[in-house]
């Protein structure tokens, strides 16, 4: 077979390629998101920007109402909030039911809600452990289950994007650690993503995971202050001076990747973990050692 024929076999399909604007369009899609501040708020905003109708839920009704008002002020009207506790299975089911009654069957689920608390392993107590693991892993599991049931009933596929963290590989706080329940929960999220993805592909549902790195959020600030109160200023000093891990000043840098996975971009992706961490696992070179390029130390 000659090269021209081989090329035409590929090029003939160029006319059938879907416009990128259509791939990213979420008009008439219904999304459910857990969380109301930090990363969750930016995920809701980006989903709404692409045309999705979004229901989001969180424990703090005060923060939820503030988030809803902020989104409405930006012109996003097809957004609704419901107070719910992500650790409660029944309330997860009720959040999805609320979304169905408000906008229709669920097409997208992004369980963002999370908590953590830096605590020495030797100091960890059961109450804090349960709060972190139930929020960060169990909460995601059962919200995804409720959303998937809605998708299967509607028989039109869907997108599920679970939220892990680079902490699932232990890449959280350099030289400090103290995040063992969070490490465990986020590693569990990755594991459950693989398992759920294998089951739900048959229904036309793409299940993938995004693992963000460190970012500045209200929750992160509050948790750092609480840890400082417990361990003193020395902990805060070490936390700020020992770590070289990159920190995003805006959760939107993570939200862009998460929301893209809710679109046609992920049509051929199943059980994939996408890290958006600013290269947290890399040791970046600090000087241009080149001797051939202008600007190099030895040029």
C-alpha atoms as a PDB file:
ATOM      1  CA  UNK A   1       0.000   0.000   0.000  1.00  0.00           C
ATOM      2  CA  UNK A   2       1.473   3.364  -1.016  1.00  0.00           C
ATOM      3  CA  UNK A   3       2.019   6.317   1.310  1.00  0.00           C
ATOM      4  CA  UNK A   4      -0.728   8.439  -0.282  1.00  0.00           C
ATOM      5  CA  UNK A   5      -3.351   5.751   0.333  1.00  0.00           C
ATOM      6  CA  UNK A   6      -2.176   5.266   3.908  1.00  0.00           C
ATOM      7  CA  UNK A   7      -2.317   9.006   4.536  1.00  0.00           C
ATOM      8  CA  UNK A   8      -5.809   9.340   3.059  1.00  0.00           C
ATOM      9  CA  UNK A   9      -7.066   6.582   5.345  1.00  0.00           C
ATOM     10  CA  UNK A  10      -6.256   8.922   8.239  1.00  0.00           C
ATOM     11  CA  UNK A  11      -6.896  12.334   6.719  1.00  0.00           C
ATOM     12  CA  UNK A  12     -10.398  11.451   5.486  1.00  0.00           C
ATOM     13  CA  UNK A  13     -11.605  11.515   9.077  1.00  0.00           C
ATOM     14  CA  UNK A  14     -10.368  15.069   9.682  1.00  0.00           C
ATOM     15  CA  UNK A  15     -13.701  16.470   8.545  1.00  0.00           C
ATOM     16  CA  UNK A  16     -15.538  14.404  11.136  1.00  0.00           C
ATOM     17  CA  UNK A  17     -13.547  15.707  14.111  1.00  0.00           C
ATOM     18  CA  UNK A  18     -15.777  17.309  16.711  1.00  0.00           C
ATOM     19  CA  UNK A  19     -15.131  21.010  17.329  1.00  0.00           C
ATOM     20  CA  UNK A  20     -13.184  21.609  20.504  1.00  0.00           C
ATOM     21  CA  UNK A  21     -15.853  24.016  21.722  1.00  0.00           C
ATOM     22  CA  UNK A  22     -18.369  21.163  21.506  1.00  0.00           C
ATOM     23  CA  UNK A  23     -16.066  18.792  23.373  1.00  0.00           C
ATOM     24  CA  UNK A  24     -15.861  21.272  26.246  1.00  0.00           C
ATOM     25  CA  UNK A  25     -19.546  22.208  26.219  1.00  0.00           C
ATOM     26  CA  UNK A  26     -21.430  21.018  29.318  1.00  0.00           C
ATOM     27  CA  UNK A  27     -24.749  22.651  28.488  1.00  0.00           C
ATOM     28  CA  UNK A  28     -27.696  20.714  29.920  1.00  0.00           C
ATOM     29  CA  UNK A  29     -25.386  18.511  32.003  1.00  0.00           C
ATOM     30  CA  UNK A  30     -26.172  18.151  35.701  1.00  0.00           C
ATOM     31  CA  UNK A  31     -23.240  18.061  38.105  1.00  0.00           C
ATOM     32  CA  UNK A  32     -22.984  17.223  41.801  1.00  0.00           C
ATOM     33  CA  UNK A  33     -20.016  18.525  43.781  1.00  0.00           C
ATOM     34  CA  UNK A  34     -19.164  18.124  47.457  1.00  0.00           C
ATOM     35  CA  UNK A  35     -17.549  21.052  49.217  1.00  0.00           C
ATOM     36  CA  UNK A  36     -18.227  24.778  49.137  1.00  0.00           C
ATOM     37  CA  UNK A  37     -14.941  26.655  49.568  1.00  0.00           C
ATOM     38  CA  UNK A  38     -11.401  26.428  48.255  1.00  0.00           C
ATOM     39  CA  UNK A  39     -11.029  23.905  45.438  1.00  0.00           C
ATOM     40  CA  UNK A  40     -14.724  22.964  45.429  1.00  0.00           C
ATOM     41  CA  UNK A  41     -15.812  26.562  44.846  1.00  0.00           C
ATOM     42  CA  UNK A  42     -13.567  26.867  41.803  1.00  0.00           C
ATOM     43  CA  UNK A  43     -14.747  23.505  40.442  1.00  0.00           C
ATOM     44  CA  UNK A  44     -18.370  24.647  40.725  1.00  0.00           C
ATOM     45  CA  UNK A  45     -17.534  27.947  39.051  1.00  0.00           C
ATOM     46  CA  UNK A  46     -15.737  26.278  36.125  1.00  0.00           C
ATOM     47  CA  UNK A  47     -18.496  23.701  35.627  1.00  0.00           C
ATOM     48  CA  UNK A  48     -21.088  26.482  35.565  1.00  0.00           C
ATOM     49  CA  UNK A  49     -18.950  28.465  33.129  1.00  0.00           C
ATOM     50  CA  UNK A  50     -19.093  25.542  30.673  1.00  0.00           C
ATOM     51  CA  UNK A  51     -22.875  25.454  30.950  1.00  0.00           C
ATOM     52  CA  UNK A  52     -23.500  22.770  33.564  1.00  0.00           C
ATOM     53  CA  UNK A  53     -26.265  22.973  36.139  1.00  0.00           C
ATOM     54  CA  UNK A  54     -24.530  22.411  39.462  1.00  0.00           C
ATOM     55  CA  UNK A  55     -25.648  21.268  42.888  1.00  0.00           C
ATOM     56  CA  UNK A  56     -23.035  21.435  45.617  1.00  0.00           C
ATOM     57  CA  UNK A  57     -23.254  20.417  49.243  1.00  0.00           C
ATOM     58  CA  UNK A  58     -21.162  20.853  52.361  1.00  0.00           C
ATOM     59  CA  UNK A  59     -21.327  20.723  56.138  1.00  0.00           C
ATOM     60  CA  UNK A  60     -21.116  24.472  56.696  1.00  0.00           C
ATOM     61  CA  UNK A  61     -24.400  26.040  55.667  1.00  0.00           C
ATOM     62  CA  UNK A  62     -22.898  29.487  56.242  1.00  0.00           C
ATOM     63  CA  UNK A  63     -20.041  28.920  53.791  1.00  0.00           C
ATOM     64  CA  UNK A  64     -22.431  27.263  51.358  1.00  0.00           C
ATOM     65  CA  UNK A  65     -24.779  30.221  51.274  1.00  0.00           C
ATOM     66  CA  UNK A  66     -21.836  32.600  50.881  1.00  0.00           C
ATOM     67  CA  UNK A  67     -20.544  30.530  47.966  1.00  0.00           C
ATOM     68  CA  UNK A  68     -23.972  30.451  46.327  1.00  0.00           C
ATOM     69  CA  UNK A  69     -24.293  34.229  46.611  1.00  0.00           C
ATOM     70  CA  UNK A  70     -20.826  34.733  45.109  1.00  0.00           C
ATOM     71  CA  UNK A  71     -21.654  32.467  42.166  1.00  0.00           C
ATOM     72  CA  UNK A  72     -25.001  34.183  41.577  1.00  0.00           C
ATOM     73  CA  UNK A  73     -23.232  37.545  41.593  1.00  0.00           C
ATOM     74  CA  UNK A  74     -21.051  36.246  38.740  1.00  0.00           C
ATOM     75  CA  UNK A  75     -24.192  35.467  36.758  1.00  0.00           C
ATOM     76  CA  UNK A  76     -24.395  31.720  37.370  1.00  0.00           C
ATOM     77  CA  UNK A  77     -28.046  31.097  38.176  1.00  0.00           C
ATOM     78  CA  UNK A  78     -28.305  27.340  37.539  1.00  0.00           C
ATOM     79  CA  UNK A  79     -26.470  26.575  40.752  1.00  0.00           C
ATOM     80  CA  UNK A  80     -27.944  25.286  44.007  1.00  0.00           C
ATOM     81  CA  UNK A  81     -26.604  24.494  47.464  1.00  0.00           C
ATOM     82  CA  UNK A  82     -27.737  21.929  50.028  1.00  0.00           C
ATOM     83  CA  UNK A  83     -26.249  21.468  53.475  1.00  0.00           C
ATOM     84  CA  UNK A  84     -25.115  17.867  53.980  1.00  0.00           C
ATOM     85  CA  UNK A  85     -22.528  15.858  55.847  1.00  0.00           C
ATOM     86  CA  UNK A  86     -20.325  13.966  53.403  1.00  0.00           C
ATOM     87  CA  UNK A  87     -19.608  11.368  56.100  1.00  0.00           C
ATOM     88  CA  UNK A  88     -23.286  10.357  56.149  1.00  0.00           C
ATOM     89  CA  UNK A  89     -24.352   7.864  53.465  1.00  0.00           C
ATOM     90  CA  UNK A  90     -28.046   8.778  53.633  1.00  0.00           C
ATOM     91  CA  UNK A  91     -27.253  12.472  53.259  1.00  0.00           C
ATOM     92  CA  UNK A  92     -25.107  11.692  50.200  1.00  0.00           C
ATOM     93  CA  UNK A  93     -28.114   9.947  48.656  1.00  0.00           C
ATOM     94  CA  UNK A  94     -30.290  12.929  49.557  1.00  0.00           C
ATOM     95  CA  UNK A  95     -27.884  15.360  47.882  1.00  0.00           C
ATOM     96  CA  UNK A  96     -28.144  13.420  44.621  1.00  0.00           C
ATOM     97  CA  UNK A  97     -31.920  13.194  44.964  1.00  0.00           C
ATOM     98  CA  UNK A  98     -32.021  16.969  45.485  1.00  0.00           C
ATOM     99  CA  UNK A  99     -30.024  17.436  42.277  1.00  0.00           C
ATOM    100  CA  UNK A 100     -32.386  15.153  40.362  1.00  0.00           C
ATOM    101  CA  UNK A 101     -35.439  17.029  41.600  1.00  0.00           C
ATOM    102  CA  UNK A 102     -33.820  20.403  40.893  1.00  0.00           C
ATOM    103  CA  UNK A 103     -32.259  19.804  37.481  1.00  0.00           C
ATOM    104  CA  UNK A 104     -32.666  16.156  36.416  1.00  0.00           C
ATOM    105  CA  UNK A 105     -30.514  12.983  36.351  1.00  0.00           C
ATOM    106  CA  UNK A 106     -26.880  13.430  37.273  1.00  0.00           C
ATOM    107  CA  UNK A 107     -24.254  13.476  34.498  1.00  0.00           C
ATOM    108  CA  UNK A 108     -21.175  14.562  36.460  1.00  0.00           C
ATOM    109  CA  UNK A 109     -19.928  13.911  39.986  1.00  0.00           C
ATOM    110  CA  UNK A 110     -16.897  15.523  41.603  1.00  0.00           C
ATOM    111  CA  UNK A 111     -16.534  14.675  45.324  1.00  0.00           C
ATOM    112  CA  UNK A 112     -14.116  17.406  46.411  1.00  0.00           C
ATOM    113  CA  UNK A 113     -14.905  17.770  50.138  1.00  0.00           C
ATOM    114  CA  UNK A 114     -11.922  16.883  52.289  1.00  0.00           C
ATOM    115  CA  UNK A 115     -10.312  17.542  55.635  1.00  0.00           C
ATOM    116  CA  UNK A 116      -6.922  16.953  57.198  1.00  0.00           C
ATOM    117  CA  UNK A 117      -5.043  17.786  60.338  1.00  0.00           C
ATOM    118  CA  UNK A 118      -1.291  17.555  60.795  1.00  0.00           C
ATOM    119  CA  UNK A 119      -0.784  15.336  63.829  1.00  0.00           C
ATOM    120  CA  UNK A 120       2.102  13.154  64.905  1.00  0.00           C
ATOM    121  CA  UNK A 121       1.324   9.473  64.346  1.00  0.00           C
ATOM    122  CA  UNK A 122       2.064   8.809  68.012  1.00  0.00           C
ATOM    123  CA  UNK A 123      -0.533  11.437  69.001  1.00  0.00           C
ATOM    124  CA  UNK A 124      -3.319  10.335  66.624  1.00  0.00           C
ATOM    125  CA  UNK A 125      -6.652   9.547  68.243  1.00  0.00           C
ATOM    126  CA  UNK A 126      -9.588   7.610  66.868  1.00  0.00           C
ATOM    127  CA  UNK A 127     -11.944  10.579  66.586  1.00  0.00           C
ATOM    128  CA  UNK A 128      -9.628  12.575  64.322  1.00  0.00           C
ATOM    129  CA  UNK A 129      -8.689   9.491  62.314  1.00  0.00           C
ATOM    130  CA  UNK A 130     -12.362   8.686  61.689  1.00  0.00           C
ATOM    131  CA  UNK A 131     -13.145  12.270  60.688  1.00  0.00           C
ATOM    132  CA  UNK A 132     -10.358  12.376  58.084  1.00  0.00           C
ATOM    133  CA  UNK A 133     -10.937   8.921  56.618  1.00  0.00           C
ATOM    134  CA  UNK A 134     -14.739   9.151  56.649  1.00  0.00           C
ATOM    135  CA  UNK A 135     -14.664  12.562  54.985  1.00  0.00           C
ATOM    136  CA  UNK A 136     -11.875  11.991  52.484  1.00  0.00           C
ATOM    137  CA  UNK A 137     -12.539   8.416  51.385  1.00  0.00           C
ATOM    138  CA  UNK A 138     -15.866   7.068  52.628  1.00  0.00           C
ATOM    139  CA  UNK A 139     -17.582  10.337  51.744  1.00  0.00           C
ATOM    140  CA  UNK A 140     -16.313  10.168  48.172  1.00  0.00           C
ATOM    141  CA  UNK A 141     -17.201   6.494  47.821  1.00  0.00           C
ATOM    142  CA  UNK A 142     -20.856   6.854  48.713  1.00  0.00           C
ATOM    143  CA  UNK A 143     -21.479  10.150  46.916  1.00  0.00           C
ATOM    144  CA  UNK A 144     -20.035   8.559  43.774  1.00  0.00           C
ATOM    145  CA  UNK A 145     -22.248   5.515  44.357  1.00  0.00           C
ATOM    146  CA  UNK A 146     -25.389   7.656  44.630  1.00  0.00           C
ATOM    147  CA  UNK A 147     -24.452   9.668  41.539  1.00  0.00           C
ATOM    148  CA  UNK A 148     -23.604   6.522  39.556  1.00  0.00           C
ATOM    149  CA  UNK A 149     -27.001   5.050  40.363  1.00  0.00           C
ATOM    150  CA  UNK A 150     -28.606   8.178  38.917  1.00  0.00           C
ATOM    151  CA  UNK A 151     -26.472   7.874  35.784  1.00  0.00           C
ATOM    152  CA  UNK A 152     -27.294   4.195  35.312  1.00  0.00           C
ATOM    153  CA  UNK A 153     -31.032   4.815  35.754  1.00  0.00           C
ATOM    154  CA  UNK A 154     -30.901   7.556  33.110  1.00  0.00           C
ATOM    155  CA  UNK A 155     -28.893   5.286  30.777  1.00  0.00           C
ATOM    156  CA  UNK A 156     -26.826   8.086  29.234  1.00  0.00           C
ATOM    157  CA  UNK A 157     -23.353   7.592  30.661  1.00  0.00           C
ATOM    158  CA  UNK A 158     -21.519  10.144  32.751  1.00  0.00           C
ATOM    159  CA  UNK A 159     -18.285  11.500  34.150  1.00  0.00           C
ATOM    160  CA  UNK A 160     -16.944  10.882  37.644  1.00  0.00           C
ATOM    161  CA  UNK A 161     -13.764  12.586  38.820  1.00  0.00           C
ATOM    162  CA  UNK A 162     -12.570  11.557  42.251  1.00  0.00           C
ATOM    163  CA  UNK A 163     -10.129  13.784  44.127  1.00  0.00           C
ATOM    164  CA  UNK A 164      -6.994  12.284  45.605  1.00  0.00           C
ATOM    165  CA  UNK A 165      -3.846  14.251  46.454  1.00  0.00           C
ATOM    166  CA  UNK A 166      -0.123  13.850  45.910  1.00  0.00           C
ATOM    167  CA  UNK A 167      -0.296  12.878  49.582  1.00  0.00           C
ATOM    168  CA  UNK A 168      -1.366   9.421  48.395  1.00  0.00           C
ATOM    169  CA  UNK A 169       2.329   8.904  47.593  1.00  0.00           C
ATOM    170  CA  UNK A 170       3.510  10.656  50.734  1.00  0.00           C
ATOM    171  CA  UNK A 171       4.308  13.897  48.899  1.00  0.00           C
ATOM    172  CA  UNK A 172       2.702  16.237  51.403  1.00  0.00           C
ATOM    173  CA  UNK A 173       4.991  18.013  53.861  1.00  0.00           C
ATOM    174  CA  UNK A 174       8.731  17.651  53.298  1.00  0.00           C
ATOM    175  CA  UNK A 175      10.688  16.620  56.396  1.00  0.00           C
ATOM    176  CA  UNK A 176       7.556  16.855  58.567  1.00  0.00           C
ATOM    177  CA  UNK A 177       5.126  14.085  57.554  1.00  0.00           C
ATOM    178  CA  UNK A 178       2.396  14.019  60.275  1.00  0.00           C
ATOM    179  CA  UNK A 179      -0.349  13.306  57.709  1.00  0.00           C
ATOM    180  CA  UNK A 180      -0.820   9.527  58.054  1.00  0.00           C
ATOM    181  CA  UNK A 181      -4.674   9.389  58.029  1.00  0.00           C
ATOM    182  CA  UNK A 182      -4.755  11.758  55.052  1.00  0.00           C
ATOM    183  CA  UNK A 183      -2.099   9.672  53.265  1.00  0.00           C
ATOM    184  CA  UNK A 184      -4.176   6.559  53.896  1.00  0.00           C
ATOM    185  CA  UNK A 185      -7.467   8.119  52.800  1.00  0.00           C
ATOM    186  CA  UNK A 186      -6.109   9.598  49.590  1.00  0.00           C
ATOM    187  CA  UNK A 187      -4.324   6.355  48.689  1.00  0.00           C
ATOM    188  CA  UNK A 188      -7.690   4.684  49.253  1.00  0.00           C
ATOM    189  CA  UNK A 189      -9.327   7.122  46.835  1.00  0.00           C
ATOM    190  CA  UNK A 190      -6.876   6.089  44.115  1.00  0.00           C
ATOM    191  CA  UNK A 191      -7.546   2.421  44.798  1.00  0.00           C
ATOM    192  CA  UNK A 192     -11.310   2.806  44.772  1.00  0.00           C
ATOM    193  CA  UNK A 193     -11.097   4.817  41.532  1.00  0.00           C
ATOM    194  CA  UNK A 194      -9.456   1.873  39.798  1.00  0.00           C
ATOM    195  CA  UNK A 195     -12.082  -0.529  41.107  1.00  0.00           C
ATOM    196  CA  UNK A 196     -15.092   1.653  40.331  1.00  0.00           C
ATOM    197  CA  UNK A 197     -13.768   2.530  36.870  1.00  0.00           C
ATOM    198  CA  UNK A 198     -13.611  -1.157  35.940  1.00  0.00           C
ATOM    199  CA  UNK A 199     -17.222  -1.691  36.978  1.00  0.00           C
ATOM    200  CA  UNK A 200     -18.832   1.410  35.512  1.00  0.00           C
ATOM    201  CA  UNK A 201     -17.228   1.432  32.050  1.00  0.00           C
ATOM    202  CA  UNK A 202     -19.953  -0.958  30.879  1.00  0.00           C
ATOM    203  CA  UNK A 203     -22.514   1.796  31.573  1.00  0.00           C
ATOM    204  CA  UNK A 204     -20.640   4.412  29.544  1.00  0.00           C
ATOM    205  CA  UNK A 205     -19.327   6.151  32.664  1.00  0.00           C
ATOM    206  CA  UNK A 206     -15.771   7.447  32.724  1.00  0.00           C
ATOM    207  CA  UNK A 207     -14.247   7.285  36.203  1.00  0.00           C
ATOM    208  CA  UNK A 208     -10.932   9.044  36.671  1.00  0.00           C
ATOM    209  CA  UNK A 209      -9.012  10.772  39.443  1.00  0.00           C
ATOM    210  CA  UNK A 210      -7.147  14.048  39.865  1.00  0.00           C
ATOM    211  CA  UNK A 211      -4.416  14.302  42.497  1.00  0.00           C
ATOM    212  CA  UNK A 212      -3.781  17.963  43.361  1.00  0.00           C
ATOM    213  CA  UNK A 213      -0.725  19.277  45.120  1.00  0.00           C
ATOM    214  CA  UNK A 214      -0.566  21.911  47.827  1.00  0.00           C
ATOM    215  CA  UNK A 215      -2.706  25.015  47.443  1.00  0.00           C
ATOM    216  CA  UNK A 216      -3.795  27.989  49.496  1.00  0.00           C
ATOM    217  CA  UNK A 217      -7.387  27.471  50.658  1.00  0.00           C
ATOM    218  CA  UNK A 218      -9.434  28.527  53.698  1.00  0.00           C
ATOM    219  CA  UNK A 219      -9.313  24.951  54.959  1.00  0.00           C
ATOM    220  CA  UNK A 220      -5.532  24.715  54.637  1.00  0.00           C
ATOM    221  CA  UNK A 221      -5.041  28.005  56.459  1.00  0.00           C
ATOM    222  CA  UNK A 222      -7.409  26.989  59.282  1.00  0.00           C
ATOM    223  CA  UNK A 223      -5.753  23.593  59.671  1.00  0.00           C
ATOM    224  CA  UNK A 224      -2.270  25.116  59.815  1.00  0.00           C
ATOM    225  CA  UNK A 225      -3.378  27.555  62.494  1.00  0.00           C
ATOM    226  CA  UNK A 226      -4.929  24.736  64.537  1.00  0.00           C
ATOM    227  CA  UNK A 227      -1.753  22.662  64.290  1.00  0.00           C
ATOM    228  CA  UNK A 228       0.342  25.654  65.347  1.00  0.00           C
ATOM    229  CA  UNK A 229      -1.832  26.052  68.433  1.00  0.00           C
ATOM    230  CA  UNK A 230      -1.179  22.415  69.309  1.00  0.00           C
ATOM    231  CA  UNK A 231       2.546  22.151  68.567  1.00  0.00           C
ATOM    232  CA  UNK A 232       3.678  25.753  68.879  1.00  0.00           C
ATOM    233  CA  UNK A 233       5.452  28.269  66.688  1.00  0.00           C
ATOM    234  CA  UNK A 234       8.364  25.899  66.106  1.00  0.00           C
ATOM    235  CA  UNK A 235       6.072  23.679  64.020  1.00  0.00           C
ATOM    236  CA  UNK A 236       4.924  26.649  61.935  1.00  0.00           C
ATOM    237  CA  UNK A 237       8.533  27.739  61.424  1.00  0.00           C
ATOM    238  CA  UNK A 238       9.580  24.259  60.296  1.00  0.00           C
ATOM    239  CA  UNK A 239       6.525  23.878  58.071  1.00  0.00           C
ATOM    240  CA  UNK A 240       7.360  27.089  56.246  1.00  0.00           C
ATOM    241  CA  UNK A 241      11.141  26.738  56.100  1.00  0.00           C
ATOM    242  CA  UNK A 242      11.797  23.025  55.538  1.00  0.00           C
ATOM    243  CA  UNK A 243       9.460  22.374  52.625  1.00  0.00           C
ATOM    244  CA  UNK A 244      10.467  22.999  49.036  1.00  0.00           C
ATOM    245  CA  UNK A 245       7.237  21.629  47.580  1.00  0.00           C
ATOM    246  CA  UNK A 246       5.497  24.010  45.154  1.00  0.00           C
ATOM    247  CA  UNK A 247       2.301  25.610  46.443  1.00  0.00           C
ATOM    248  CA  UNK A 248      -0.418  26.953  44.148  1.00  0.00           C
ATOM    249  CA  UNK A 249      -1.751  30.351  45.167  1.00  0.00           C
ATOM    250  CA  UNK A 250      -5.077  29.594  43.484  1.00  0.00           C
ATOM    251  CA  UNK A 251      -7.135  26.375  43.558  1.00  0.00           C
ATOM    252  CA  UNK A 252      -8.273  27.282  40.057  1.00  0.00           C
ATOM    253  CA  UNK A 253      -5.061  25.767  38.710  1.00  0.00           C
ATOM    254  CA  UNK A 254      -6.338  22.419  39.998  1.00  0.00           C
ATOM    255  CA  UNK A 255      -9.969  23.082  39.079  1.00  0.00           C
ATOM    256  CA  UNK A 256      -9.141  23.549  35.395  1.00  0.00           C
ATOM    257  CA  UNK A 257      -7.755  20.026  35.151  1.00  0.00           C
ATOM    258  CA  UNK A 258     -10.596  18.541  37.181  1.00  0.00           C
ATOM    259  CA  UNK A 259     -13.317  20.162  35.096  1.00  0.00           C
ATOM    260  CA  UNK A 260     -11.603  19.234  31.828  1.00  0.00           C
ATOM    261  CA  UNK A 261     -11.923  15.607  32.948  1.00  0.00           C
ATOM    262  CA  UNK A 262     -15.688  16.173  33.195  1.00  0.00           C
ATOM    263  CA  UNK A 263     -15.844  16.935  29.459  1.00  0.00           C
ATOM    264  CA  UNK A 264     -15.313  14.951  26.275  1.00  0.00           C
ATOM    265  CA  UNK A 265     -11.577  15.201  26.892  1.00  0.00           C
ATOM    266  CA  UNK A 266     -11.830  12.112  29.099  1.00  0.00           C
ATOM    267  CA  UNK A 267     -13.916  10.024  26.665  1.00  0.00           C
ATOM    268  CA  UNK A 268     -11.077   7.492  26.256  1.00  0.00           C
ATOM    269  CA  UNK A 269      -9.823   7.633  29.844  1.00  0.00           C
ATOM    270  CA  UNK A 270     -10.688   5.109  32.547  1.00  0.00           C
ATOM    271  CA  UNK A 271      -9.078   4.791  35.964  1.00  0.00           C
ATOM    272  CA  UNK A 272      -6.456   7.403  35.158  1.00  0.00           C
ATOM    273  CA  UNK A 273      -4.776   9.442  37.911  1.00  0.00           C
ATOM    274  CA  UNK A 274      -3.845  12.943  36.736  1.00  0.00           C
ATOM    275  CA  UNK A 275      -1.415  14.782  39.009  1.00  0.00           C
ATOM    276  CA  UNK A 276      -1.642  18.581  39.110  1.00  0.00           C
ATOM    277  CA  UNK A 277       1.030  19.419  41.622  1.00  0.00           C
ATOM    278  CA  UNK A 278       3.470  21.887  40.128  1.00  0.00           C
ATOM    279  CA  UNK A 279       5.980  19.035  39.978  1.00  0.00           C
ATOM    280  CA  UNK A 280       5.831  18.245  43.692  1.00  0.00           C
ATOM    281  CA  UNK A 281       7.670  14.969  43.192  1.00  0.00           C
ATOM    282  CA  UNK A 282      10.522  16.505  41.242  1.00  0.00           C
ATOM    283  CA  UNK A 283      13.765  18.060  42.412  1.00  0.00           C
ATOM    284  CA  UNK A 284      14.091  21.050  40.121  1.00  0.00           C
ATOM    285  CA  UNK A 285      17.448  22.257  38.880  1.00  0.00           C
ATOM    286  CA  UNK A 286      18.188  25.710  40.258  1.00  0.00           C
ATOM    287  CA  UNK A 287      20.938  27.040  37.965  1.00  0.00           C
ATOM    288  CA  UNK A 288      21.465  27.132  34.151  1.00  0.00           C
ATOM    289  CA  UNK A 289      24.713  25.119  33.929  1.00  0.00           C
ATOM    290  CA  UNK A 290      24.865  25.264  30.119  1.00  0.00           C
ATOM    291  CA  UNK A 291      28.123  26.266  28.398  1.00  0.00           C
ATOM    292  CA  UNK A 292      26.536  26.532  24.926  1.00  0.00           C
ATOM    293  CA  UNK A 293      23.525  28.819  25.513  1.00  0.00           C
ATOM    294  CA  UNK A 294      23.402  32.516  26.314  1.00  0.00           C
ATOM    295  CA  UNK A 295      22.418  32.914  29.921  1.00  0.00           C
ATOM    296  CA  UNK A 296      24.214  29.764  30.995  1.00  0.00           C
ATOM    297  CA  UNK A 297      26.690  30.014  33.848  1.00  0.00           C
ATOM    298  CA  UNK A 298      29.602  28.902  31.679  1.00  0.00           C
ATOM    299  CA  UNK A 299      28.648  30.265  28.267  1.00  0.00           C
END
